[in-house]
Amino acid sequence: MTSPHSDVTTGSAGVIGAVVGENKREIVANKGAQFSSYDVEAFEIPSGRDEIWRFTPLRRLRGLHDGSATATGTARVTVSDAPESVRVETVGREDQRLGKAGVPADRVAAQAYSSFESATIVTVAGEAELSEPLTITVDGPGADSVAYGHLQIRVEAFARATVVLEQRGGGTYAENVEFLVADSAQLTVVALQEWDDDAVHVASHHASVGRDSVLRYFSVSLGGDLVRLTPTVNFTGPGGDAELLGLYFADDGQHLEQRLLVNHTAPNCKSNVVYKGALQGDPTSKKPDTRTVWIGDVVIGAKAEGTDTFELNRNLILTDGARADSVPNLEIETGEIAGAGHASATGRFDDEQLFYLRSRGIPEDQARKLVVRGFFHDIIAKIPVESIRTRLSDAVEAELAITGV
């Protein structure tokens, strides 16, 4: 199925690439100007040699990357208790609002855009302020089924909203999710990946942050066999503020991958990225059977004077048989910035912390649990929905109980 925009090849800063010959692309200036297109055939079939796919076990994608995964089911999208100031629409592929937050930058995202039958658009009216979180639930197509989807969340000028995006169930699911935050609006998103053990989920999250607007984005990955998320933030006007916080806990052979891009193209914008992950694998495995991948790209364009940005990723390996890859990247094209930096750390339990706790009479197993709770505490504490904070704390406890950490 073709896209209504299939003849367009663009990037976040305008037209940045084109198909030249057969699946050939122009070289771009930076990662913020990466090649993007609605057309699946504009992308070559990924291989392990491709930079954006080199950490992903392609054989576990069940054909999402090579065109062999034909839709055999559908995902169900439910919006709970939407107030009058929120409009929920199911629209066809021809709706011209779709794709406004970003263009697919990889083949799976383009496949998802070309394959969905209908999309859900949720709009928060201008100047509205939601007193309660809005919950959007996506149920997967079910075991042995494949589906593609598209969801767009629009927050109009001067509005404020908190959205909880819960994704659950089983099957194979690829999607694009758009967040459009208009000028002087504020959107808080809590995206929960709580898939069944069989699920494979590949999603591109596109965020457009307007003039003097605020985006608070929380990403939580706990379930699924393979989950790969690609959040991209583009600033469309000066004064934007984006904070991306993430938590992931991998075990039992899971592959959890996060690939972020924060693209500063407007002046005087701020971004802060903090992701934390814990891993526990099979200590008897000859090779790590549990893996997490975090790629953090921040680009400060030539016109993005006054940018203030920082990104941090920390990983805690709880057992043998687990591997964490962490790659922070920072590209700066102007010296007129307020600040920029990045950091990454991966390690095991802090022996000094354990010694301190044990010296005060706390048994080792309890001391280890306290360390992990403390590791995640600052992320969980910032989530503005109390019920979600409680759920995540309980989920971390359940993960720790698996191996008795």
Foldseek 3Di string as FASTA:
>chain_A
DAFPFQVDKDFLVGRFWDQDDFLDIDDGDDPRRATFGLHLRNHDQDDCVDPVCVVPPVVLLVCLRPPPAAADFEKDKDKPPDDPQKDKDKAARPPPVPQPLHGGRGNSASSLNGHAGIAIEIEGHALAEDPDAIEMEIEDGAPPGEYHYEYEYEYEHNYEHEYEYHYEHADEYEYEYEYEAEANYEYEYAYEAHYAAHHAYEYEYGYEWEHLYEYHYEYEHEHYQEYEYEYEYDYPEANYEYEYEYEYEKEDLHEYEYAYEYEQPYEQYEYEAEYEYEYEYDQPDPAQSIEYEYEAEYEHDANHAAYAYEYEYEYEYEHPSYYYHYHYYYHYDYPRYPYYYYYYYYDYDDPVQQVVVVVVPDDSLVSVLVSVCVRCVVRLVPPPDVVVSVVVVVSSVVSCVVVSD
